[in-house]
Amino acid sequence: MNSVFDELRSAVYSVWHRRWVVLAVALGGLHAGLAGRGDDPEQL
């Protein structure tokens, strides 16, 4: 029974860790896009 909880905890940790990685990549891309857009005053 203890191994079931270990597997469940491992799965939850993996999903949670990936969620933060995906969020960080998305925010980084958004930031890069907005920074690139700010170079051209006509687009603002």
C-alpha atoms as a PDB file:
ATOM      1  CA  MET A   1       0.000   0.000   0.000  1.00  0.00           C
ATOM      2  CA  ASN A   2       2.885   2.322   0.721  1.00  0.00           C
ATOM      3  CA  SER A   3       4.207   1.918  -2.820  1.00  0.00           C
ATOM      4  CA  VAL A   4       0.866   3.101  -4.233  1.00  0.00           C
ATOM      5  CA  PHE A   5       1.195   6.358  -2.339  1.00  0.00           C
ATOM      6  CA  ASP A   6       4.805   6.706  -3.483  1.00  0.00           C
ATOM      7  CA  GLU A   7       3.755   6.244  -7.113  1.00  0.00           C
ATOM      8  CA  LEU A   8       0.894   8.712  -6.738  1.00  0.00           C
ATOM      9  CA  ARG A   9       3.130  11.284  -5.074  1.00  0.00           C
ATOM     10  CA  SER A  10       5.728  10.860  -7.805  1.00  0.00           C
ATOM     11  CA  ALA A  11       3.114  11.329 -10.541  1.00  0.00           C
ATOM     12  CA  VAL A  12       1.670  14.444  -8.905  1.00  0.00           C
ATOM     13  CA  TYR A  13       5.138  15.939  -8.447  1.00  0.00           C
ATOM     14  CA  SER A  14       6.000  15.249 -12.106  1.00  0.00           C
ATOM     15  CA  VAL A  15       2.833  16.927 -13.390  1.00  0.00           C
ATOM     16  CA  TRP A  16       3.304  19.901 -11.066  1.00  0.00           C
ATOM     17  CA  HIS A  17       6.939  20.337 -12.141  1.00  0.00           C
ATOM     18  CA  ARG A  18       6.060  20.211 -15.840  1.00  0.00           C
ATOM     19  CA  ARG A  19       3.278  22.737 -15.309  1.00  0.00           C
ATOM     20  CA  TRP A  20       5.784  25.280 -14.018  1.00  0.00           C
ATOM     21  CA  VAL A  21       8.176  24.564 -16.900  1.00  0.00           C
ATOM     22  CA  VAL A  22       5.403  25.084 -19.468  1.00  0.00           C
ATOM     23  CA  LEU A  23       4.285  28.275 -17.729  1.00  0.00           C
ATOM     24  CA  ALA A  24       7.851  29.607 -17.651  1.00  0.00           C
ATOM     25  CA  VAL A  25       8.364  28.909 -21.372  1.00  0.00           C
ATOM     26  CA  ALA A  26       5.033  30.535 -22.255  1.00  0.00           C
ATOM     27  CA  LEU A  27       5.769  33.644 -20.215  1.00  0.00           C
ATOM     28  CA  GLY A  28       9.275  33.843 -21.674  1.00  0.00           C
ATOM     29  CA  GLY A  29       7.865  33.697 -25.198  1.00  0.00           C
ATOM     30  CA  LEU A  30       5.281  36.337 -24.381  1.00  0.00           C
ATOM     31  CA  HIS A  31       7.945  38.585 -22.905  1.00  0.00           C
ATOM     32  CA  ALA A  32      10.194  38.128 -25.962  1.00  0.00           C
ATOM     33  CA  GLY A  33       7.289  38.887 -28.283  1.00  0.00           C
ATOM     34  CA  LEU A  34       6.351  42.042 -26.450  1.00  0.00           C
ATOM     35  CA  ALA A  35       9.967  43.180 -26.268  1.00  0.00           C
ATOM     36  CA  GLY A  36      10.368  42.655 -30.020  1.00  0.00           C
ATOM     37  CA  ARG A  37       7.143  44.519 -30.691  1.00  0.00           C
ATOM     38  CA  GLY A  38       8.327  47.505 -28.649  1.00  0.00           C
ATOM     39  CA  ASP A  39      11.198  48.127 -31.061  1.00  0.00           C
ATOM     40  CA  ASP A  40       8.812  49.435 -33.733  1.00  0.00           C
ATOM     41  CA  PRO A  41       6.778  52.454 -32.508  1.00  0.00           C
ATOM     42  CA  GLU A  42       4.323  52.059 -35.418  1.00  0.00           C
ATOM     43  CA  GLN A  43       3.057  48.755 -34.011  1.00  0.00           C
ATOM     44  CA  LEU A  44       2.214  50.102 -30.569  1.00  0.00           C
END
